[in-house]
Amino acid sequence: MNSLNAEQLDWQKMHGLLPAIIQDARSGEVLMLAYMNQDALAQTLITKELILYSRSKQRLWRKGETSGNTMTVQQIVTDCDGDSLLIQVLTSGPACHLGFKTCFQPAASSTFSFLNTLSDVIAERAQTQLPGSYVSALLTSGVNRCAQKVGEEAVETVIAALGDHSDELINEAADLIFHLLVLLHIRQIDLYEVLDCLQKRHAL
């Protein structure tokens, strides 16, 4: 987790509180809006678990302390005025107390967040083993077959790239990404770990 100097934040504007936008580190989805005081931020930085301040109960509370849907903090950044926080987290369940993934309904989605959704579908197919499911059958075939499929799709993507039809390249690239997600799952590697590696590699 990144370093953050809490003393440089503007705690006076909202009488000792800062609004905190909670964002899914995997998908980029905005999950909820909450508030922090200095103690909440300090404990969050120490424990790496999301600790917030309840304005109604006038006390600190750990996200998931009753539901079990805790959030592990990956990164905290502040805005240009130092009076609000953006906190990226990994979730263990729904963010909303009503059972929704996000407190904002209907949930806004992005093209990028679909990759995370697709990864979740692959994980669900691995658990349920639906009859007739291509994903379930592929996962059952083992890591060697999954790796072979990635190789096959990579070759087809290269061939399409050397051709003249963009639509064909798009379709083959989609197949390649899909089968790569399946391979990552069978090797128990989260897509977020790959994206985090890319981000660190390019210092973004």
C-alpha atoms as a PDB file:
ATOM      1  CA  MET A   1       0.000   0.000   0.000  1.00  0.00           C
ATOM      2  CA  ASN A   2       1.203   3.490  -0.841  1.00  0.00           C
ATOM      3  CA  SER A   3       2.446   5.979   1.749  1.00  0.00           C
ATOM      4  CA  LEU A   4       0.106   8.800   2.716  1.00  0.00           C
ATOM      5  CA  ASN A   5       0.833  11.777   4.952  1.00  0.00           C
ATOM      6  CA  ALA A   6      -2.366  12.248   6.948  1.00  0.00           C
ATOM      7  CA  GLU A   7      -1.111  15.518   8.412  1.00  0.00           C
ATOM      8  CA  GLN A   8      -1.168  17.141   4.980  1.00  0.00           C
ATOM      9  CA  LEU A   9      -4.879  16.452   4.547  1.00  0.00           C
ATOM     10  CA  ASP A  10      -7.465  19.173   5.130  1.00  0.00           C
ATOM     11  CA  TRP A  11      -9.336  17.878   8.181  1.00  0.00           C
ATOM     12  CA  GLN A  12     -10.871  21.254   9.031  1.00  0.00           C
ATOM     13  CA  LYS A  13     -13.171  21.739   6.050  1.00  0.00           C
ATOM     14  CA  MET A  14     -15.663  19.090   7.249  1.00  0.00           C
ATOM     15  CA  HIS A  15     -14.947  19.351  10.972  1.00  0.00           C
ATOM     16  CA  GLY A  16     -12.474  16.487  11.255  1.00  0.00           C
ATOM     17  CA  LEU A  17     -13.943  14.223   8.576  1.00  0.00           C
ATOM     18  CA  LEU A  18     -13.016  13.401   5.000  1.00  0.00           C
ATOM     19  CA  PRO A  19     -15.318  11.798   2.415  1.00  0.00           C
ATOM     20  CA  ALA A  20     -13.862   8.507   1.200  1.00  0.00           C
ATOM     21  CA  ILE A  21     -14.820   7.053  -2.169  1.00  0.00           C
ATOM     22  CA  ILE A  22     -14.410   3.276  -2.007  1.00  0.00           C
ATOM     23  CA  GLN A  23     -13.445   1.671  -5.316  1.00  0.00           C
ATOM     24  CA  ASP A  24     -13.035  -1.969  -6.332  1.00  0.00           C
ATOM     25  CA  ALA A  25      -9.333  -2.392  -7.131  1.00  0.00           C
ATOM     26  CA  ARG A  26     -10.108  -5.192  -9.582  1.00  0.00           C
ATOM     27  CA  SER A  27     -12.903  -3.708 -11.664  1.00  0.00           C
ATOM     28  CA  GLY A  28     -12.653   0.020 -10.990  1.00  0.00           C
ATOM     29  CA  GLU A  29     -16.294   0.119  -9.895  1.00  0.00           C
ATOM     30  CA  VAL A  30     -17.266   2.692  -7.283  1.00  0.00           C
ATOM     31  CA  LEU A  31     -18.653   0.695  -4.358  1.00  0.00           C
ATOM     32  CA  MET A  32     -19.685   3.229  -1.741  1.00  0.00           C
ATOM     33  CA  LEU A  33     -19.160   6.650  -0.220  1.00  0.00           C
ATOM     34  CA  ALA A  34     -18.150   6.790   3.433  1.00  0.00           C
ATOM     35  CA  TYR A  35     -16.292   9.042   5.867  1.00  0.00           C
ATOM     36  CA  MET A  36     -13.049   8.875   7.807  1.00  0.00           C
ATOM     37  CA  ASN A  37     -11.592  10.790  10.700  1.00  0.00           C
ATOM     38  CA  GLN A  38      -7.889  10.758  11.514  1.00  0.00           C
ATOM     39  CA  ASP A  39      -8.192   7.705  13.772  1.00  0.00           C
ATOM     40  CA  ALA A  40     -10.023   5.726  11.093  1.00  0.00           C
ATOM     41  CA  LEU A  41      -7.375   6.553   8.522  1.00  0.00           C
ATOM     42  CA  ALA A  42      -4.539   5.734  10.920  1.00  0.00           C
ATOM     43  CA  GLN A  43      -6.026   2.323  11.784  1.00  0.00           C
ATOM     44  CA  THR A  44      -6.679   1.600   8.119  1.00  0.00           C
ATOM     45  CA  LEU A  45      -3.050   2.326   7.265  1.00  0.00           C
ATOM     46  CA  ILE A  46      -1.867   0.050  10.084  1.00  0.00           C
ATOM     47  CA  THR A  47      -4.236  -2.892   9.561  1.00  0.00           C
ATOM     48  CA  LYS A  48      -4.828  -2.550   5.790  1.00  0.00           C
ATOM     49  CA  GLU A  49      -8.479  -3.265   6.561  1.00  0.00           C
ATOM     50  CA  LEU A  50     -11.040  -0.597   5.757  1.00  0.00           C
ATOM     51  CA  ILE A  51     -11.905   1.275   8.956  1.00  0.00           C
ATOM     52  CA  LEU A  52     -14.487   4.055   8.659  1.00  0.00           C
ATOM     53  CA  TYR A  53     -16.216   6.598  10.867  1.00  0.00           C
ATOM     54  CA  SER A  54     -19.960   6.273  11.419  1.00  0.00           C
ATOM     55  CA  ARG A  55     -21.601   9.690  11.625  1.00  0.00           C
ATOM     56  CA  SER A  56     -24.817   8.185  12.988  1.00  0.00           C
ATOM     57  CA  LYS A  57     -23.167   6.038  15.681  1.00  0.00           C
ATOM     58  CA  GLN A  58     -20.342   8.510  16.330  1.00  0.00           C
ATOM     59  CA  ARG A  59     -17.692   5.794  16.383  1.00  0.00           C
ATOM     60  CA  LEU A  60     -15.219   3.885  14.249  1.00  0.00           C
ATOM     61  CA  TRP A  61     -16.406   0.764  12.478  1.00  0.00           C
ATOM     62  CA  ARG A  62     -14.648  -1.877  10.440  1.00  0.00           C
ATOM     63  CA  LYS A  63     -16.313  -2.571   7.124  1.00  0.00           C
ATOM     64  CA  GLY A  64     -17.811  -6.049   7.399  1.00  0.00           C
ATOM     65  CA  GLU A  65     -17.767  -6.237  11.201  1.00  0.00           C
ATOM     66  CA  THR A  66     -21.353  -7.549  11.185  1.00  0.00           C
ATOM     67  CA  SER A  67     -21.776  -8.897   7.638  1.00  0.00           C
ATOM     68  CA  GLY A  68     -18.331 -10.437   7.284  1.00  0.00           C
ATOM     69  CA  ASN A  69     -17.893  -8.630   3.963  1.00  0.00           C
ATOM     70  CA  THR A  70     -14.557  -7.060   4.826  1.00  0.00           C
ATOM     71  CA  MET A  71     -12.430  -4.947   2.494  1.00  0.00           C
ATOM     72  CA  THR A  72      -8.652  -5.083   2.212  1.00  0.00           C
ATOM     73  CA  VAL A  73      -7.101  -1.760   1.260  1.00  0.00           C
ATOM     74  CA  GLN A  74      -4.682  -1.730  -1.678  1.00  0.00           C
ATOM     75  CA  GLN A  75      -4.136   1.964  -2.265  1.00  0.00           C
ATOM     76  CA  ILE A  76      -5.215   5.330  -0.858  1.00  0.00           C
ATOM     77  CA  VAL A  77      -4.886   8.557  -2.821  1.00  0.00           C
ATOM     78  CA  THR A  78      -6.123  12.066  -2.143  1.00  0.00           C
ATOM     79  CA  ASP A  79      -7.544  14.679  -4.461  1.00  0.00           C
ATOM     80  CA  CYS A  80      -5.713  17.865  -5.433  1.00  0.00           C
ATOM     81  CA  ASP A  81      -7.225  19.838  -2.528  1.00  0.00           C
ATOM     82  CA  GLY A  82      -6.414  17.209   0.087  1.00  0.00           C
ATOM     83  CA  ASP A  83     -10.006  17.113   1.317  1.00  0.00           C
ATOM     84  CA  SER A  84     -11.243  13.753  -0.016  1.00  0.00           C
ATOM     85  CA  LEU A  85      -9.894  10.228  -0.409  1.00  0.00           C
ATOM     86  CA  LEU A  86     -10.073   7.542  -3.074  1.00  0.00           C
ATOM     87  CA  ILE A  87      -9.537   4.114  -1.530  1.00  0.00           C
ATOM     88  CA  GLN A  88      -9.024   1.038  -3.690  1.00  0.00           C
ATOM     89  CA  VAL A  89      -9.972  -2.230  -2.020  1.00  0.00           C
ATOM     90  CA  LEU A  90     -10.259  -5.949  -2.570  1.00  0.00           C
ATOM     91  CA  THR A  91     -13.657  -7.177  -1.444  1.00  0.00           C
ATOM     92  CA  SER A  92     -14.779 -10.401   0.212  1.00  0.00           C
ATOM     93  CA  GLY A  93     -18.466  -9.871  -0.539  1.00  0.00           C
ATOM     94  CA  PRO A  94     -21.083  -7.244  -1.435  1.00  0.00           C
ATOM     95  CA  ALA A  95     -20.381  -3.650  -0.439  1.00  0.00           C
ATOM     96  CA  CYS A  96     -24.032  -2.738   0.108  1.00  0.00           C
ATOM     97  CA  HIS A  97     -25.941  -3.814   3.234  1.00  0.00           C
ATOM     98  CA  LEU A  98     -28.842  -4.723   0.917  1.00  0.00           C
ATOM     99  CA  GLY A  99     -26.698  -7.382  -0.718  1.00  0.00           C
ATOM    100  CA  PHE A 100     -25.750  -5.498  -3.876  1.00  0.00           C
ATOM    101  CA  LYS A 101     -22.145  -5.435  -5.057  1.00  0.00           C
ATOM    102  CA  THR A 102     -22.195  -1.631  -4.966  1.00  0.00           C
ATOM    103  CA  CYS A 103     -24.263   0.836  -2.961  1.00  0.00           C
ATOM    104  CA  PHE A 104     -25.074   2.714  -6.175  1.00  0.00           C
ATOM    105  CA  GLN A 105     -28.079   1.229  -7.983  1.00  0.00           C
ATOM    106  CA  PRO A 106     -28.568   0.611 -10.806  1.00  0.00           C
ATOM    107  CA  ALA A 107     -24.875  -0.189 -10.890  1.00  0.00           C
ATOM    108  CA  ALA A 108     -22.835   1.680 -13.474  1.00  0.00           C
ATOM    109  CA  SER A 109     -20.600  -0.590 -15.506  1.00  0.00           C
ATOM    110  CA  SER A 110     -17.617  -0.119 -17.772  1.00  0.00           C
ATOM    111  CA  THR A 111     -16.057  -2.190 -20.523  1.00  0.00           C
ATOM    112  CA  PHE A 112     -13.037  -2.841 -18.309  1.00  0.00           C
ATOM    113  CA  SER A 113     -15.137  -4.052 -15.382  1.00  0.00           C
ATOM    114  CA  PHE A 114     -16.557  -6.748 -17.673  1.00  0.00           C
ATOM    115  CA  LEU A 115     -13.186  -8.518 -17.512  1.00  0.00           C
ATOM    116  CA  ASN A 116     -13.641  -8.849 -13.776  1.00  0.00           C
ATOM    117  CA  THR A 117     -17.226 -10.040 -14.288  1.00  0.00           C
ATOM    118  CA  LEU A 118     -16.020 -12.619 -16.805  1.00  0.00           C
ATOM    119  CA  SER A 119     -13.404 -13.847 -14.336  1.00  0.00           C
ATOM    120  CA  ASP A 120     -16.161 -14.268 -11.743  1.00  0.00           C
ATOM    121  CA  VAL A 121     -18.266 -16.268 -14.221  1.00  0.00           C
ATOM    122  CA  ILE A 122     -15.323 -18.573 -14.926  1.00  0.00           C
ATOM    123  CA  ALA A 123     -14.836 -19.110 -11.178  1.00  0.00           C
ATOM    124  CA  GLU A 124     -18.538 -19.856 -10.764  1.00  0.00           C
ATOM    125  CA  ARG A 125     -18.474 -22.385 -13.621  1.00  0.00           C
ATOM    126  CA  ALA A 126     -15.529 -24.100 -11.953  1.00  0.00           C
ATOM    127  CA  GLN A 127     -17.550 -24.551  -8.763  1.00  0.00           C
ATOM    128  CA  THR A 128     -20.914 -25.530 -10.236  1.00  0.00           C
ATOM    129  CA  GLN A 129     -19.678 -27.727 -13.114  1.00  0.00           C
ATOM    130  CA  LEU A 130     -22.768 -27.047 -15.221  1.00  0.00           C
ATOM    131  CA  PRO A 131     -23.600 -29.823 -17.713  1.00  0.00           C
ATOM    132  CA  GLY A 132     -22.869 -28.660 -21.239  1.00  0.00           C
ATOM    133  CA  SER A 133     -20.763 -25.712 -20.066  1.00  0.00           C
ATOM    134  CA  TYR A 134     -17.700 -25.172 -22.258  1.00  0.00           C
ATOM    135  CA  VAL A 135     -15.845 -23.490 -19.402  1.00  0.00           C
ATOM    136  CA  SER A 136     -16.594 -26.304 -16.948  1.00  0.00           C
ATOM    137  CA  ALA A 137     -15.442 -28.916 -19.463  1.00  0.00           C
ATOM    138  CA  LEU A 138     -12.270 -26.984 -20.278  1.00  0.00           C
ATOM    139  CA  LEU A 139     -11.361 -26.562 -16.618  1.00  0.00           C
ATOM    140  CA  THR A 140     -12.004 -30.257 -15.990  1.00  0.00           C
ATOM    141  CA  SER A 141      -9.606 -31.142 -18.814  1.00  0.00           C
ATOM    142  CA  GLY A 142      -6.713 -29.720 -16.774  1.00  0.00           C
ATOM    143  CA  VAL A 143      -3.996 -27.100 -17.013  1.00  0.00           C
ATOM    144  CA  ASN A 144      -2.236 -28.689 -19.997  1.00  0.00           C
ATOM    145  CA  ARG A 145      -5.336 -28.463 -22.182  1.00  0.00           C
ATOM    146  CA  CYS A 146      -6.071 -24.914 -20.980  1.00  0.00           C
ATOM    147  CA  ALA A 147      -2.516 -23.860 -21.814  1.00  0.00           C
ATOM    148  CA  GLN A 148      -2.763 -25.552 -25.202  1.00  0.00           C
ATOM    149  CA  LYS A 149      -5.941 -23.586 -25.970  1.00  0.00           C
ATOM    150  CA  VAL A 150      -4.170 -20.322 -25.143  1.00  0.00           C
ATOM    151  CA  GLY A 151      -1.403 -21.300 -27.557  1.00  0.00           C
ATOM    152  CA  GLU A 152      -3.900 -22.155 -30.285  1.00  0.00           C
ATOM    153  CA  GLU A 153      -5.788 -18.904 -29.818  1.00  0.00           C
ATOM    154  CA  ALA A 154      -2.521 -16.938 -29.808  1.00  0.00           C
ATOM    155  CA  VAL A 155      -1.542 -18.431 -33.174  1.00  0.00           C
ATOM    156  CA  GLU A 156      -4.980 -17.661 -34.603  1.00  0.00           C
ATOM    157  CA  THR A 157      -4.678 -14.093 -33.311  1.00  0.00           C
ATOM    158  CA  VAL A 158      -1.312 -13.677 -35.035  1.00  0.00           C
ATOM    159  CA  ILE A 159      -2.713 -15.039 -38.306  1.00  0.00           C
ATOM    160  CA  ALA A 160      -5.683 -12.684 -38.074  1.00  0.00           C
ATOM    161  CA  ALA A 161      -3.361  -9.751 -37.378  1.00  0.00           C
ATOM    162  CA  LEU A 162      -1.517 -10.467 -40.635  1.00  0.00           C
ATOM    163  CA  GLY A 163      -4.774 -10.448 -42.564  1.00  0.00           C
ATOM    164  CA  ASP A 164      -6.886  -7.575 -43.805  1.00  0.00           C
ATOM    165  CA  HIS A 165     -10.028  -8.035 -41.707  1.00  0.00           C
ATOM    166  CA  SER A 166     -10.158  -6.137 -38.403  1.00  0.00           C
ATOM    167  CA  ASP A 167     -13.324  -7.959 -37.304  1.00  0.00           C
ATOM    168  CA  GLU A 168     -11.516 -11.291 -37.490  1.00  0.00           C
ATOM    169  CA  LEU A 169      -8.638  -9.953 -35.398  1.00  0.00           C
ATOM    170  CA  ILE A 170     -11.077  -8.583 -32.816  1.00  0.00           C
ATOM    171  CA  ASN A 171     -12.834 -11.958 -32.553  1.00  0.00           C
ATOM    172  CA  GLU A 172      -9.588 -13.894 -32.237  1.00  0.00           C
ATOM    173  CA  ALA A 173      -8.220 -11.437 -29.658  1.00  0.00           C
ATOM    174  CA  ALA A 174     -11.419 -11.876 -27.636  1.00  0.00           C
ATOM    175  CA  ASP A 175     -10.995 -15.668 -27.765  1.00  0.00           C
ATOM    176  CA  LEU A 176      -7.368 -15.311 -26.653  1.00  0.00           C
ATOM    177  CA  ILE A 177      -8.243 -13.097 -23.683  1.00  0.00           C
ATOM    178  CA  PHE A 178     -11.068 -15.427 -22.649  1.00  0.00           C
ATOM    179  CA  HIS A 179      -8.889 -18.538 -22.705  1.00  0.00           C
ATOM    180  CA  LEU A 180      -6.106 -16.687 -20.897  1.00  0.00           C
ATOM    181  CA  LEU A 181      -8.579 -15.887 -18.104  1.00  0.00           C
ATOM    182  CA  VAL A 182      -9.475 -19.585 -17.913  1.00  0.00           C
ATOM    183  CA  LEU A 183      -5.786 -20.516 -17.691  1.00  0.00           C
ATOM    184  CA  LEU A 184      -5.188 -17.940 -14.964  1.00  0.00           C
ATOM    185  CA  HIS A 185      -8.093 -19.365 -12.982  1.00  0.00           C
ATOM    186  CA  ILE A 186      -6.908 -22.957 -13.168  1.00  0.00           C
ATOM    187  CA  ARG A 187      -3.493 -21.760 -11.957  1.00  0.00           C
ATOM    188  CA  GLN A 188      -5.258 -19.862  -9.129  1.00  0.00           C
ATOM    189  CA  ILE A 189      -3.974 -16.480 -10.307  1.00  0.00           C
ATOM    190  CA  ASP A 190      -6.317 -13.516 -10.034  1.00  0.00           C
ATOM    191  CA  LEU A 191      -6.599 -11.147 -12.983  1.00  0.00           C
ATOM    192  CA  TYR A 192      -5.940  -8.329 -10.519  1.00  0.00           C
ATOM    193  CA  GLU A 193      -2.460  -9.742  -9.848  1.00  0.00           C
ATOM    194  CA  VAL A 194      -1.614  -9.507 -13.549  1.00  0.00           C
ATOM    195  CA  LEU A 195      -2.939  -5.957 -13.835  1.00  0.00           C
ATOM    196  CA  ASP A 196      -1.087  -4.982 -10.656  1.00  0.00           C
ATOM    197  CA  CYS A 197       2.128  -6.389 -12.154  1.00  0.00           C
ATOM    198  CA  LEU A 198       1.607  -4.312 -15.305  1.00  0.00           C
ATOM    199  CA  GLN A 199       0.952  -1.200 -13.267  1.00  0.00           C
ATOM    200  CA  LYS A 200       4.085  -1.656 -11.156  1.00  0.00           C
ATOM    201  CA  ARG A 201       6.186  -2.487 -14.196  1.00  0.00           C
ATOM    202  CA  HIS A 202       5.251   0.743 -15.921  1.00  0.00           C
ATOM    203  CA  ALA A 203       5.072   2.836 -12.721  1.00  0.00           C
ATOM    204  CA  LEU A 204       1.559   4.061 -13.448  1.00  0.00           C
END
